[in-house]
Amino acid sequence: MKNFKRITAAVLSIMIIFMVWGTDVFAAQAQIQQQETGFSDDYLDSVRKLIKQKYSGSITDAALNKPTVEGMFEALDIYSVFYKQSEFNSFMDSLGGEIEGVGIVVEKIGDYVTVVKVFEGLPAQKAGIQKGDKISEVNGISAAKKEIDEVISNIKGTAGTKVKLGILKESIKDEVEVARARVDVPSVSYEIRGNIGYILIDMFSANTYSGVKEALNEFDSKSIANIVLDLRNNPGGLLDQAVSVGRLFVPKGLITKLDFKDEAMEDEEYYSSLKSIKYKLAVLVNENSASASEILTGAIKDTGAGVIIGNKTFGKAKVQSFIPILSPEAYERLNKDSENKTVNASMFEDAYESDLLGWAKMTMGMYYTPNGECIDLKGIEPDINVSEGSKEAGGIKVNEIRQLYIAVKPSLGTACSDVYNAECILKLLNYDVDEPDNILDKKTTEALTRFQKDNKVYGYGVLDFCTQRLLNDKLEALSESEDTVYLKAVDVLE
């Protein structure tokens, strides 16, 4: 069994899950639930004490009068939640930039979950799995007509274990055994656009700093000093990664300060030691840029390290940290001779993972920008405000369109994300399609036929691989010509 260690890194992420919790519980119902859960009054009181000590927010005794641990944390703000061990592992995997699987991206197309991307050098590619393959079975159990989440859950598993996949290749069935592995999922993408180095950060996971550093090394080798850092729709992530990226751009001084509610916890300050600004920087933000991305944005704006362009950010300055919660049995054993009992497993050197009931992600403080501003519920105003979206194309935002996978060939009636992205591109190119959705309807096939003929390929309304490549080429051009926020950044930098 693995020895348990305290988690000290703050987790900054926006959770777009809004729930309404009741505060009144009938005494009889509470008594029944308490009997079912096995939580003693002493144990539940210890959970309440922990919340009152560390939770940075308003909460009443009545709201904490819950017969379950889950209920108490659900009564806090929308960013606080209780995770079982498996849920915690999945959450940390998403922030860690790694998952345990076979190295594929899938999508539900028709009756089958279909492979739309295969990562190079990973088990799936080595086993011969290709884009467009349909997953017909997982460990001998049919995957046809199953929900995508169920199929994915069955494919994923502990690194080193194996999974047998039934594969349909052009209606020919094959079976392969694939070893699972830890798959690194990049959070950063970059490219050179003329004399501009463009960096997109999807979220701040454990590999974000290394991804940005790789991009800057590439730009340095080409003597490119004009940088566009795109944080639009970035919901946040790991504090240490946002700070590390900040140290690449922000001049010597404060990046952010964390102020915790619990007086036993020391407030934290994070600094940059950068002696001089190396790049001419423009940062792109919108209303979905939140949390850790706002820490970076605020530091760049306050220190004058770059120009902020776009729309006002989300406005989340709340800081969440994880606390391991003891099971009732471990609570009784570890607190046996203690006068100050606690459910916080990190207070015990001899606590093991098997002693945990789960993990509480709880709002424990606030962060401040270098100028001492708390942007919670206010957001950060850009230096230059620019509206996103094409009015002529119904507000479609070119920066939110994704490249087509070139994995399947959708025809009339096919439903998949490639159809949605194709319709968005066609609409921006002034072809007559309805509001983009995932279904390739008759109107879209007619638009595709016209697009194909205009580009001197066979026009028959099927979203074949040649047409997808043409649309991807058009999207690349549109990303530079129709993205109003990016275009303003280019003007500023040049």
Protein backbone atom coordinates (compact mmCIF):
# COMPACT_ATOMS: atom_id res chain seq x y z
CA MET A 1 0.00 0.00 0.00
CA LYS A 2 1.14 3.49 -0.83
CA ASN A 3 1.94 5.92 1.98
CA PHE A 4 -0.27 8.98 1.94
CA LYS A 5 1.23 12.45 1.44
CA ARG A 6 -0.37 15.84 1.84
CA ILE A 7 -1.26 17.74 -1.33
CA THR A 8 -0.03 21.33 -1.12
CA ALA A 9 -0.56 22.59 -4.69
CA ALA A 10 -3.66 24.73 -5.15
CA VAL A 11 -5.98 23.58 -7.91
CA LEU A 12 -7.54 26.43 -9.90
CA SER A 13 -10.30 25.36 -12.29
CA ILE A 14 -13.74 26.52 -13.26
CA MET A 15 -16.45 23.89 -12.90
CA ILE A 16 -19.44 24.71 -15.08
CA ILE A 17 -21.83 22.60 -13.04
CA PHE A 18 -24.65 24.50 -11.41
CA MET A 19 -26.77 22.70 -8.84
CA VAL A 20 -29.35 23.79 -6.29
CA TRP A 21 -29.11 22.24 -2.86
CA GLY A 22 -31.88 22.13 -0.28
CA THR A 23 -31.11 23.11 3.31
CA ASP A 24 -34.04 21.49 5.12
CA VAL A 25 -33.84 17.81 6.07
CA PHE A 26 -36.54 15.99 8.01
CA ALA A 27 -35.14 14.51 11.21
CA ALA A 28 -36.56 11.06 10.52
CA GLN A 29 -35.06 10.98 7.03
CA ALA A 30 -31.70 12.12 8.36
CA GLN A 31 -31.71 9.38 10.97
CA ILE A 32 -32.43 6.71 8.34
CA GLN A 33 -29.71 8.02 6.02
CA GLN A 34 -27.22 8.20 8.89
CA GLN A 35 -27.92 4.56 9.74
CA GLU A 36 -27.43 3.61 6.08
CA THR A 37 -24.15 5.51 5.68
CA GLY A 38 -22.65 4.47 8.99
CA PHE A 39 -21.49 8.00 9.83
CA SER A 40 -21.50 8.69 13.56
CA ASP A 41 -22.43 12.11 14.96
CA ASP A 42 -18.84 12.53 16.13
CA TYR A 43 -17.48 11.82 12.64
CA LEU A 44 -19.92 14.19 10.93
CA ASP A 45 -19.15 16.91 13.49
CA SER A 46 -15.48 16.55 12.62
CA VAL A 47 -16.26 17.09 8.93
CA ARG A 48 -18.25 20.22 9.79
CA LYS A 49 -15.36 21.50 11.94
CA LEU A 50 -12.94 21.01 9.04
CA ILE A 51 -15.20 22.90 6.65
CA LYS A 52 -15.65 25.82 9.05
CA GLN A 53 -11.89 26.01 9.58
CA LYS A 54 -10.86 25.97 5.92
CA TYR A 55 -13.79 26.95 3.69
CA SER A 56 -13.40 30.45 2.30
CA GLY A 57 -17.03 31.38 1.88
CA SER A 58 -20.27 31.92 3.73
CA ILE A 59 -21.99 28.82 5.11
CA THR A 60 -24.61 28.40 7.82
CA ASP A 61 -24.87 25.65 10.43
CA ALA A 62 -28.23 24.72 8.94
CA ALA A 63 -26.66 24.22 5.50
CA LEU A 64 -24.12 21.83 7.01
CA ASN A 65 -26.77 19.83 8.83
CA LYS A 66 -26.41 16.93 6.41
CA PRO A 67 -26.24 13.21 7.20
CA THR A 68 -23.57 12.51 4.57
CA VAL A 69 -20.12 13.84 3.76
CA GLU A 70 -21.08 14.33 0.13
CA GLY A 71 -24.09 16.41 1.18
CA MET A 72 -22.00 18.77 3.27
CA PHE A 73 -19.50 19.57 0.52
CA GLU A 74 -22.29 19.89 -2.02
CA ALA A 75 -23.81 22.58 0.22
CA LEU A 76 -20.78 24.81 -0.34
CA ASP A 77 -20.09 26.81 -3.52
CA ILE A 78 -20.22 25.35 -7.04
CA TYR A 79 -16.45 24.77 -7.04
CA SER A 80 -16.46 22.54 -3.95
CA VAL A 81 -17.22 18.85 -4.28
CA PHE A 82 -16.47 15.48 -2.71
CA TYR A 83 -14.78 12.84 -4.89
CA LYS A 84 -14.55 9.11 -4.40
CA GLN A 85 -11.03 7.75 -4.96
CA SER A 86 -11.73 6.71 -8.58
CA GLU A 87 -13.29 10.11 -9.36
CA PHE A 88 -10.30 11.87 -7.79
CA ASN A 89 -7.88 9.81 -9.89
CA SER A 90 -9.76 10.71 -13.09
CA PHE A 91 -9.79 14.41 -12.19
CA MET A 92 -6.08 14.45 -11.41
CA ASP A 93 -5.37 12.57 -14.64
CA SER A 94 -7.13 15.33 -16.58
CA LEU A 95 -5.00 17.96 -14.86
CA GLY A 96 -1.88 15.86 -15.12
CA GLY A 97 -2.02 15.88 -18.89
CA GLU A 98 -2.00 12.08 -18.86
CA ILE A 99 -4.59 9.34 -19.08
CA GLU A 100 -4.29 5.58 -18.90
CA GLY A 101 -5.51 4.11 -22.16
CA VAL A 102 -4.40 2.85 -25.57
CA GLY A 103 -3.72 6.14 -27.35
CA ILE A 104 -6.80 6.92 -29.43
CA VAL A 105 -9.48 9.60 -29.71
CA VAL A 106 -12.95 8.26 -30.49
CA GLU A 107 -16.34 9.58 -31.46
CA LYS A 108 -19.79 8.00 -31.69
CA ILE A 109 -20.73 7.82 -35.37
CA GLY A 110 -23.86 5.85 -36.18
CA ASP A 111 -24.02 2.59 -34.22
CA TYR A 112 -20.31 2.44 -33.45
CA VAL A 113 -17.67 4.29 -31.49
CA THR A 114 -15.17 5.19 -34.22
CA VAL A 115 -11.46 6.01 -34.00
CA VAL A 116 -10.88 9.56 -35.22
CA LYS A 117 -7.28 10.01 -34.08
CA VAL A 118 -4.39 7.66 -33.29
CA PHE A 119 -1.44 9.00 -31.28
CA GLU A 120 1.94 8.17 -32.78
CA GLY A 121 4.19 5.63 -31.05
CA LEU A 122 1.51 4.45 -28.62
CA PRO A 123 -0.01 0.95 -28.22
CA ALA A 124 -3.01 1.46 -30.51
CA GLN A 125 -0.82 2.49 -33.45
CA LYS A 126 1.60 -0.37 -32.79
CA ALA A 127 -1.35 -2.79 -32.81
CA GLY A 128 -2.39 -1.56 -36.26
CA ILE A 129 -5.43 0.48 -35.26
CA GLN A 130 -6.13 3.26 -37.76
CA LYS A 131 -8.34 6.32 -38.13
CA GLY A 132 -11.80 5.27 -39.23
CA ASP A 133 -11.75 1.88 -37.51
CA LYS A 134 -15.00 1.01 -35.74
CA ILE A 135 -14.84 -0.60 -32.30
CA SER A 136 -17.22 -3.56 -32.42
CA GLU A 137 -16.21 -5.33 -29.21
CA VAL A 138 -14.31 -4.69 -25.98
CA ASN A 139 -13.04 -7.82 -24.23
CA GLY A 140 -15.50 -9.96 -26.13
CA ILE A 141 -18.55 -7.82 -25.31
CA SER A 142 -20.36 -6.09 -28.15
CA ALA A 143 -19.84 -2.34 -28.33
CA ALA A 144 -22.43 -1.76 -31.05
CA LYS A 145 -25.09 0.81 -30.13
CA LYS A 146 -23.43 1.37 -26.72
CA GLU A 147 -22.99 4.86 -25.30
CA ILE A 148 -19.55 6.31 -25.95
CA ASP A 149 -18.80 6.86 -22.24
CA GLU A 150 -19.40 3.17 -21.51
CA VAL A 151 -17.13 2.05 -24.36
CA ILE A 152 -14.36 4.47 -23.34
CA SER A 153 -14.60 3.36 -19.71
CA ASN A 154 -14.15 -0.28 -20.75
CA ILE A 155 -11.16 0.52 -22.97
CA LYS A 156 -9.33 2.61 -20.37
CA GLY A 157 -7.55 0.88 -17.51
CA THR A 158 -4.36 0.58 -15.53
CA ALA A 159 -1.18 1.04 -17.52
CA GLY A 160 0.43 -2.31 -18.29
CA THR A 161 -2.82 -4.27 -18.46
CA LYS A 162 -4.27 -5.42 -21.78
CA VAL A 163 -7.60 -5.03 -23.54
CA LYS A 164 -8.98 -7.00 -26.50
CA LEU A 165 -10.69 -4.87 -29.12
CA GLY A 166 -12.89 -6.05 -31.94
CA ILE A 167 -12.25 -3.76 -34.92
CA LEU A 168 -14.23 -3.25 -38.10
CA LYS A 169 -12.07 -2.11 -41.02
CA GLU A 170 -14.26 -1.46 -44.07
CA SER A 171 -16.72 -4.13 -42.82
CA ILE A 172 -13.89 -6.65 -42.25
CA LYS A 173 -13.73 -7.74 -38.62
CA ASP A 174 -10.40 -8.05 -36.83
CA GLU A 175 -9.40 -8.58 -33.22
CA VAL A 176 -6.35 -7.04 -31.59
CA GLU A 177 -4.93 -7.14 -28.09
CA VAL A 178 -3.61 -3.78 -26.96
CA ALA A 179 -1.52 -2.99 -23.89
CA ARG A 180 -2.70 0.07 -22.00
CA ALA A 181 -0.20 2.83 -21.27
CA ARG A 182 0.03 6.31 -19.83
CA VAL A 183 -0.88 8.67 -22.65
CA ASP A 184 0.39 12.23 -22.61
CA VAL A 185 -2.36 14.59 -23.79
CA PRO A 186 -0.88 17.91 -24.90
CA SER A 187 -2.45 21.12 -23.59
CA VAL A 188 -0.42 23.41 -25.87
CA SER A 189 -0.36 23.79 -29.65
CA TYR A 190 1.69 26.30 -31.63
CA GLU A 191 2.62 27.40 -35.11
CA ILE A 192 4.52 30.10 -36.95
CA ARG A 193 2.37 32.55 -38.92
CA GLY A 194 4.70 34.80 -40.89
CA ASN A 195 6.63 36.75 -38.26
CA ILE A 196 4.15 35.78 -35.50
CA GLY A 197 4.61 32.91 -33.07
CA TYR A 198 1.12 31.68 -32.14
CA ILE A 199 0.58 29.63 -28.94
CA LEU A 200 -2.78 28.17 -27.88
CA ILE A 201 -3.18 26.86 -24.32
CA ASP A 202 -6.33 24.76 -23.89
CA MET A 203 -5.91 24.48 -20.11
CA PHE A 204 -3.13 24.50 -17.54
CA SER A 205 -2.21 20.84 -17.02
CA ALA A 206 1.07 19.33 -15.84
CA ASN A 207 2.65 19.54 -19.29
CA THR A 208 1.69 23.14 -20.12
CA TYR A 209 4.97 24.81 -19.17
CA SER A 210 7.03 22.29 -21.15
CA GLY A 211 4.72 22.81 -24.16
CA VAL A 212 5.08 26.60 -24.05
CA LYS A 213 8.84 26.32 -23.53
CA GLU A 214 9.08 24.05 -26.57
CA ALA A 215 7.15 26.60 -28.63
CA LEU A 216 9.38 29.47 -27.53
CA ASN A 217 12.52 27.47 -28.31
CA GLU A 218 11.19 26.92 -31.82
CA PHE A 219 10.37 30.61 -32.21
CA ASP A 220 13.80 31.60 -30.87
CA SER A 221 15.49 29.38 -33.45
CA LYS A 222 13.63 31.31 -36.15
CA SER A 223 14.32 34.72 -34.51
CA ILE A 224 10.61 35.33 -33.90
CA ALA A 225 9.93 37.74 -31.05
CA ASN A 226 6.27 38.63 -31.74
CA ILE A 227 4.12 36.24 -29.71
CA VAL A 228 0.35 35.75 -29.62
CA LEU A 229 -0.73 33.79 -26.53
CA ASP A 230 -4.30 32.54 -26.95
CA LEU A 231 -6.11 31.93 -23.64
CA ARG A 232 -9.62 32.11 -25.04
CA ASN A 233 -11.92 29.43 -23.59
CA ASN A 234 -9.15 28.33 -21.19
CA PRO A 235 -10.97 27.31 -17.96
CA GLY A 236 -7.87 27.23 -15.75
CA GLY A 237 -6.04 24.28 -14.21
CA LEU A 238 -2.89 24.01 -12.14
CA LEU A 239 -1.55 27.09 -10.37
CA ASP A 240 2.11 26.08 -10.62
CA GLN A 241 1.84 25.76 -14.40
CA ALA A 242 0.24 29.19 -14.81
CA VAL A 243 3.00 30.69 -12.62
CA SER A 244 5.74 28.84 -14.52
CA VAL A 245 4.42 30.13 -17.85
CA GLY A 246 4.18 33.60 -16.33
CA ARG A 247 7.87 33.51 -15.45
CA LEU A 248 8.64 33.26 -19.18
CA PHE A 249 6.97 36.61 -19.88
CA VAL A 250 6.46 38.63 -16.68
CA PRO A 251 9.38 40.83 -15.53
CA LYS A 252 10.95 40.46 -12.10
CA GLY A 253 8.36 40.88 -9.36
CA LEU A 254 5.10 39.50 -8.02
CA ILE A 255 2.93 37.28 -10.24
CA THR A 256 0.14 36.49 -7.78
CA LYS A 257 -0.67 36.23 -4.09
CA LEU A 258 -2.86 33.56 -2.45
CA ASP A 259 -4.79 34.50 0.69
CA PHE A 260 -6.15 31.49 2.62
CA LYS A 261 -9.07 31.54 5.07
CA ASP A 262 -7.44 29.10 7.50
CA GLU A 263 -5.07 31.05 9.75
CA ALA A 264 -2.97 27.90 10.16
CA MET A 265 -2.11 28.08 6.46
CA GLU A 266 0.48 30.59 5.36
CA ASP A 267 -0.50 32.91 2.52
CA GLU A 268 1.61 32.30 -0.58
CA GLU A 269 3.30 34.70 -2.99
CA TYR A 270 4.72 33.73 -6.38
CA TYR A 271 7.40 35.78 -8.11
CA SER A 272 9.15 36.05 -11.46
CA SER A 273 12.92 36.52 -11.66
CA LEU A 274 12.96 37.51 -15.35
CA LYS A 275 15.47 40.33 -15.72
CA SER A 276 14.13 41.75 -18.95
CA ILE A 277 11.14 41.22 -21.26
CA LYS A 278 12.23 39.20 -24.28
CA TYR A 279 9.06 39.09 -26.38
CA LYS A 280 6.53 41.51 -27.76
CA LEU A 281 3.39 39.84 -26.45
CA ALA A 282 -0.35 39.94 -27.13
CA VAL A 283 -2.71 37.84 -24.98
CA LEU A 284 -6.13 36.85 -26.34
CA VAL A 285 -8.97 36.37 -23.83
CA ASN A 286 -12.76 36.08 -23.72
CA GLU A 287 -15.59 35.50 -21.27
CA ASN A 288 -14.56 31.84 -20.87
CA SER A 289 -10.96 32.62 -19.87
CA ALA A 290 -11.03 31.80 -16.17
CA SER A 291 -9.16 31.03 -13.00
CA ALA A 292 -5.50 30.08 -13.67
CA SER A 293 -5.67 31.75 -17.09
CA GLU A 294 -6.80 34.93 -15.29
CA ILE A 295 -3.79 34.70 -12.95
CA LEU A 296 -1.51 34.76 -15.98
CA THR A 297 -3.56 37.46 -17.73
CA GLY A 298 -3.64 39.65 -14.61
CA ALA A 299 0.11 39.37 -14.10
CA ILE A 300 0.85 40.28 -17.72
CA LYS A 301 -1.56 43.21 -17.67
CA ASP A 302 -0.46 44.66 -14.31
CA THR A 303 3.23 44.46 -15.16
CA GLY A 304 2.91 45.72 -18.72
CA ALA A 305 4.47 42.52 -20.07
CA GLY A 306 1.97 42.41 -22.93
CA VAL A 307 -1.28 43.75 -24.36
CA ILE A 308 -4.56 42.04 -23.44
CA ILE A 309 -7.00 41.81 -26.36
CA GLY A 310 -10.54 40.45 -26.64
CA ASN A 311 -13.41 40.44 -24.16
CA LYS A 312 -13.68 40.66 -20.36
CA THR A 313 -12.65 37.42 -18.66
CA PHE A 314 -14.87 35.17 -16.53
CA GLY A 315 -13.95 36.47 -13.08
CA LYS A 316 -12.93 33.59 -10.80
CA ALA A 317 -10.40 34.33 -8.07
CA LYS A 318 -11.38 31.47 -5.77
CA VAL A 319 -8.67 28.91 -5.00
CA GLN A 320 -9.45 25.23 -4.49
CA SER A 321 -7.23 22.64 -2.80
CA PHE A 322 -7.76 18.95 -2.17
CA ILE A 323 -8.09 17.51 1.32
CA PRO A 324 -8.02 13.72 1.87
CA ILE A 325 -10.91 12.59 4.07
CA LEU A 326 -10.58 9.57 6.36
CA SER A 327 -13.14 6.79 6.31
CA PRO A 328 -15.17 6.41 9.55
CA GLU A 329 -13.15 3.30 10.49
CA ALA A 330 -9.79 4.99 9.93
CA TYR A 331 -11.06 8.08 11.74
CA GLU A 332 -11.78 6.03 14.88
CA ARG A 333 -8.46 4.13 14.69
CA LEU A 334 -6.17 7.08 14.02
CA ASN A 335 -7.88 9.44 16.46
CA LYS A 336 -8.13 6.85 19.25
CA ASP A 337 -5.92 8.68 21.75
CA SER A 338 -6.38 12.22 20.44
CA GLU A 339 -8.19 15.08 22.11
CA ASN A 340 -8.42 17.06 18.84
CA LYS A 341 -9.93 14.60 16.40
CA THR A 342 -9.83 15.30 12.66
CA VAL A 343 -11.01 13.68 9.43
CA ASN A 344 -8.08 15.29 7.54
CA ALA A 345 -5.89 12.33 6.57
CA SER A 346 -2.91 14.56 5.76
CA MET A 347 -2.50 15.16 9.49
CA PHE A 348 -1.43 11.55 10.00
CA GLU A 349 1.94 10.20 8.85
CA ASP A 350 0.67 6.61 9.10
CA ALA A 351 -2.46 7.13 6.97
CA TYR A 352 -2.72 5.05 3.79
CA GLU A 353 -4.74 5.40 0.62
CA SER A 354 -6.93 2.52 1.80
CA ASP A 355 -7.86 4.64 4.84
CA LEU A 356 -9.60 7.25 2.71
CA LEU A 357 -13.30 7.78 2.19
CA GLY A 358 -12.38 10.14 -0.64
CA TRP A 359 -11.15 13.64 -1.40
CA ALA A 360 -12.75 17.02 -0.80
CA LYS A 361 -12.06 19.74 -3.34
CA MET A 362 -12.87 22.88 -1.40
CA THR A 363 -12.57 26.63 -1.91
CA MET A 364 -9.96 27.67 0.64
CA GLY A 365 -8.88 31.15 -0.39
CA MET A 366 -8.63 33.89 -3.00
CA TYR A 367 -5.86 35.06 -5.29
CA TYR A 368 -4.82 38.63 -6.12
CA THR A 369 -3.08 40.21 -9.09
CA PRO A 370 0.29 41.99 -8.70
CA ASN A 371 -1.55 45.30 -8.16
CA GLY A 372 -3.55 43.73 -5.32
CA GLU A 373 -6.80 43.42 -7.24
CA CYS A 374 -9.29 40.61 -6.60
CA ILE A 375 -11.03 39.92 -9.91
CA ASP A 376 -13.66 37.53 -8.49
CA LEU A 377 -17.07 38.09 -10.12
CA LYS A 378 -15.56 41.08 -11.96
CA GLY A 379 -13.15 39.62 -14.49
CA ILE A 380 -10.27 41.39 -16.23
CA GLU A 381 -11.00 44.10 -18.75
CA PRO A 382 -8.79 43.80 -21.85
CA ASP A 383 -6.58 46.68 -22.90
CA ILE A 384 -8.26 46.50 -26.31
CA ASN A 385 -11.84 45.26 -26.55
CA VAL A 386 -12.65 43.32 -29.73
CA SER A 387 -15.85 41.40 -30.47
CA GLU A 388 -15.60 37.79 -31.61
CA GLY A 389 -17.64 36.08 -34.29
CA SER A 390 -18.77 36.78 -37.85
CA LYS A 391 -22.03 38.73 -38.06
CA GLU A 392 -22.51 37.58 -41.64
CA ALA A 393 -22.16 33.91 -40.60
CA GLY A 394 -24.47 34.02 -37.59
CA GLY A 395 -21.81 34.74 -34.97
CA ILE A 396 -19.60 31.74 -35.76
CA LYS A 397 -16.22 32.11 -34.05
CA VAL A 398 -13.46 30.84 -36.30
CA ASN A 399 -11.13 30.19 -33.36
CA GLU A 400 -13.61 27.64 -31.97
CA ILE A 401 -13.78 25.57 -35.18
CA ARG A 402 -11.66 22.44 -35.12
CA GLN A 403 -9.79 20.77 -37.97
CA LEU A 404 -11.62 17.81 -39.52
CA TYR A 405 -10.18 14.46 -38.44
CA ILE A 406 -10.14 12.87 -41.93
CA ALA A 407 -11.16 9.57 -40.34
CA VAL A 408 -14.61 8.85 -41.84
CA LYS A 409 -16.45 9.98 -44.97
CA PRO A 410 -19.80 11.41 -43.83
CA SER A 411 -22.65 11.27 -46.34
CA LEU A 412 -26.32 12.26 -46.18
CA GLY A 413 -27.67 11.59 -42.68
CA THR A 414 -24.30 10.98 -40.98
CA ALA A 415 -23.95 12.56 -37.54
CA CYS A 416 -20.49 13.50 -36.22
CA SER A 417 -18.40 16.50 -35.16
CA ASP A 418 -16.68 16.68 -38.56
CA VAL A 419 -20.04 17.63 -40.07
CA TYR A 420 -20.46 20.46 -37.56
CA ASN A 421 -16.99 21.86 -38.25
CA ALA A 422 -17.45 21.49 -42.01
CA GLU A 423 -20.74 23.41 -41.84
CA CYS A 424 -19.07 26.19 -39.83
CA ILE A 425 -16.31 26.51 -42.44
CA LEU A 426 -18.78 26.45 -45.31
CA LYS A 427 -20.89 29.13 -43.63
CA LEU A 428 -17.85 31.38 -43.15
CA LEU A 429 -17.07 30.83 -46.85
CA ASN A 430 -20.60 32.11 -47.66
CA TYR A 431 -22.09 28.78 -48.73
CA ASP A 432 -25.79 28.33 -47.96
CA VAL A 433 -26.11 25.99 -44.96
CA ASP A 434 -28.45 26.04 -41.99
CA GLU A 435 -27.35 26.58 -38.39
CA PRO A 436 -24.37 24.21 -37.98
CA ASP A 437 -25.13 20.93 -36.23
CA ASN A 438 -23.73 17.40 -36.25
CA ILE A 439 -26.01 16.06 -38.99
CA LEU A 440 -25.18 16.15 -42.68
CA ASP A 441 -28.56 17.15 -44.19
CA LYS A 442 -29.65 17.72 -47.77
CA LYS A 443 -28.87 21.44 -47.70
CA THR A 444 -25.31 20.74 -46.55
CA THR A 445 -24.76 18.10 -49.24
CA GLU A 446 -25.83 20.68 -51.81
CA ALA A 447 -23.38 23.21 -50.33
CA LEU A 448 -20.63 20.58 -50.33
CA THR A 449 -21.34 19.81 -53.98
CA ARG A 450 -20.95 23.48 -54.87
CA PHE A 451 -17.78 23.75 -52.75
CA GLN A 452 -16.31 20.68 -54.46
CA LYS A 453 -17.04 22.01 -57.93
CA ASP A 454 -15.66 25.44 -57.02
CA ASN A 455 -12.42 23.73 -56.00
CA LYS A 456 -12.32 21.58 -59.15
CA VAL A 457 -12.91 18.20 -57.51
CA TYR A 458 -15.73 15.71 -58.11
CA GLY A 459 -18.94 17.26 -56.78
CA TYR A 460 -21.28 14.75 -55.17
CA GLY A 461 -22.00 16.06 -51.66
CA VAL A 462 -20.04 13.46 -49.69
CA LEU A 463 -17.59 14.77 -47.11
CA ASP A 464 -14.76 12.63 -48.46
CA PHE A 465 -11.12 12.84 -47.42
CA CYS A 466 -10.13 15.12 -50.31
CA THR A 467 -12.92 17.55 -49.40
CA GLN A 468 -11.97 17.45 -45.73
CA ARG A 469 -8.38 18.35 -46.56
CA LEU A 470 -9.59 21.26 -48.71
CA LEU A 471 -11.81 22.48 -45.87
CA ASN A 472 -8.91 22.22 -43.40
CA ASP A 473 -6.80 24.35 -45.76
CA LYS A 474 -9.59 26.90 -45.90
CA LEU A 475 -9.85 26.89 -42.10
CA GLU A 476 -6.14 27.67 -41.77
CA ALA A 477 -6.58 30.68 -44.03
CA LEU A 478 -9.76 31.76 -42.22
CA SER A 479 -7.97 31.55 -38.84
CA GLU A 480 -5.69 34.32 -40.01
CA SER A 481 -8.19 36.37 -42.04
CA GLU A 482 -11.48 36.11 -40.09
CA ASP A 483 -10.42 35.93 -36.44
CA THR A 484 -11.01 39.57 -35.47
CA VAL A 485 -9.29 39.25 -32.09
CA TYR A 486 -6.20 37.64 -33.60
CA LEU A 487 -6.10 40.22 -36.39
CA LYS A 488 -6.08 43.04 -33.85
CA ALA A 489 -3.17 41.32 -32.08
CA VAL A 490 -1.24 41.21 -35.37
CA ASP A 491 -1.88 44.94 -35.87
CA VAL A 492 -0.62 45.70 -32.37
CA LEU A 493 2.50 43.56 -32.71
CA GLU A 494 3.45 44.89 -36.12
